[in-house]
Amino acid sequence: MELGNWFLDRYRVSRVLNPEEDLEELQAALESDEEEGLAG
């Protein structure tokens, strides 16, 4: 059912995707998680 909603355009991506920015955000989040794991 969920996939059908995407297919019928009931759901949409809220912003234009920019792979470079998204990669930077992902790397920052991963680094933050690693730092928290080391501190704990």
N, C-alpha and C. Protein backbone atom coordinates (compact mmCIF):
# COMPACT_ATOMS: atom_id res chain seq x y z
N MET A 1 0.82 -1.20 0.00
CA MET A 1 0.00 0.00 0.00
C MET A 1 0.87 1.27 0.00
N GLU A 2 1.93 1.27 0.79
CA GLU A 2 2.81 2.43 0.87
C GLU A 2 3.42 2.75 -0.49
N LEU A 3 3.91 1.75 -1.18
CA LEU A 3 4.50 1.96 -2.50
C LEU A 3 3.46 2.51 -3.47
N GLY A 4 2.24 2.04 -3.37
CA GLY A 4 1.17 2.55 -4.22
C GLY A 4 0.93 4.03 -4.01
N ASN A 5 1.02 4.50 -2.78
CA ASN A 5 0.85 5.93 -2.50
C ASN A 5 1.94 6.76 -3.16
N TRP A 6 3.19 6.27 -3.14
CA TRP A 6 4.26 6.97 -3.84
C TRP A 6 3.99 6.96 -5.34
N PHE A 7 3.58 5.82 -5.86
CA PHE A 7 3.33 5.68 -7.29
C PHE A 7 2.22 6.62 -7.76
N LEU A 8 1.21 6.82 -6.93
CA LEU A 8 0.08 7.68 -7.28
C LEU A 8 0.32 9.15 -6.91
N ASP A 9 1.56 9.49 -6.53
CA ASP A 9 1.94 10.86 -6.16
C ASP A 9 1.19 11.39 -4.95
N ARG A 10 0.82 10.51 -4.05
CA ARG A 10 0.22 10.98 -2.80
C ARG A 10 1.30 11.46 -1.84
N TYR A 11 2.51 10.97 -2.04
CA TYR A 11 3.67 11.42 -1.27
C TYR A 11 4.63 12.08 -2.23
N ARG A 12 5.38 13.05 -1.71
CA ARG A 12 6.37 13.74 -2.54
C ARG A 12 7.59 14.06 -1.70
N VAL A 13 8.71 14.20 -2.36
CA VAL A 13 9.92 14.64 -1.71
C VAL A 13 9.79 16.14 -1.46
N SER A 14 10.11 16.57 -0.25
CA SER A 14 9.85 17.96 0.14
C SER A 14 10.81 18.98 -0.45
N ARG A 15 11.93 18.51 -0.99
CA ARG A 15 12.88 19.45 -1.56
C ARG A 15 13.61 18.79 -2.72
N VAL A 16 14.26 19.61 -3.51
CA VAL A 16 15.08 19.09 -4.60
C VAL A 16 16.29 18.39 -3.99
N LEU A 17 16.58 17.21 -4.48
CA LEU A 17 17.70 16.46 -3.94
C LEU A 17 19.01 16.94 -4.54
N ASN A 18 20.00 17.12 -3.69
CA ASN A 18 21.33 17.50 -4.12
C ASN A 18 22.30 16.49 -3.52
N PRO A 19 22.76 15.52 -4.32
CA PRO A 19 23.60 14.44 -3.79
C PRO A 19 24.84 14.91 -3.03
N GLU A 20 25.46 16.00 -3.46
CA GLU A 20 26.66 16.49 -2.78
C GLU A 20 26.33 16.97 -1.37
N GLU A 21 25.27 17.78 -1.24
CA GLU A 21 24.86 18.26 0.08
C GLU A 21 24.39 17.11 0.96
N ASP A 22 23.63 16.20 0.39
CA ASP A 22 23.13 15.08 1.16
C ASP A 22 24.28 14.21 1.66
N LEU A 23 25.31 14.03 0.86
CA LEU A 23 26.46 13.24 1.27
C LEU A 23 27.19 13.93 2.41
N GLU A 24 27.33 15.25 2.33
CA GLU A 24 27.98 16.00 3.41
C GLU A 24 27.19 15.87 4.71
N GLU A 25 25.86 15.95 4.63
CA GLU A 25 25.03 15.81 5.82
C GLU A 25 25.15 14.41 6.42
N LEU A 26 25.18 13.41 5.56
CA LEU A 26 25.31 12.03 6.02
C LEU A 26 26.66 11.82 6.70
N GLN A 27 27.73 12.32 6.09
CA GLN A 27 29.05 12.17 6.69
C GLN A 27 29.12 12.87 8.05
N ALA A 28 28.54 14.05 8.16
CA ALA A 28 28.54 14.77 9.43
C ALA A 28 27.76 14.00 10.49
N ALA A 29 26.63 13.43 10.11
CA ALA A 29 25.83 12.65 11.06
C ALA A 29 26.58 11.41 11.51
N LEU A 30 27.26 10.74 10.59
CA LEU A 30 28.02 9.54 10.95
C LEU A 30 29.18 9.90 11.88
N GLU A 31 29.85 11.00 11.60
CA GLU A 31 30.95 11.42 12.47
C GLU A 31 30.43 11.77 13.86
N SER A 32 29.29 12.41 13.92
CA SER A 32 28.68 12.76 15.21
C SER A 32 28.34 11.50 16.00
N ASP A 33 27.78 10.51 15.33
CA ASP A 33 27.44 9.25 15.99
C ASP A 33 28.69 8.54 16.50
N GLU A 34 29.76 8.57 15.71
CA GLU A 34 31.02 7.93 16.12
C GLU A 34 31.58 8.62 17.36
N GLU A 35 31.54 9.93 17.38
CA GLU A 35 32.06 10.69 18.53
C GLU A 35 31.25 10.37 19.79
N GLU A 36 29.95 10.27 19.66
CA GLU A 36 29.10 9.94 20.80
C GLU A 36 29.40 8.54 21.30
N GLY A 37 29.65 7.62 20.39
CA GLY A 37 29.97 6.25 20.76
C GLY A 37 31.30 6.15 21.49
N LEU A 38 32.27 6.95 21.07
CA LEU A 38 33.58 6.94 21.73
C LEU A 38 33.52 7.58 23.10
N ALA A 39 32.66 8.58 23.26
CA ALA A 39 32.55 9.28 24.55
C ALA A 39 31.80 8.45 25.58
N GLY A 40 30.94 7.54 25.11
CA GLY A 40 30.09 6.77 26.02
C GLY A 40 30.79 5.63 26.59
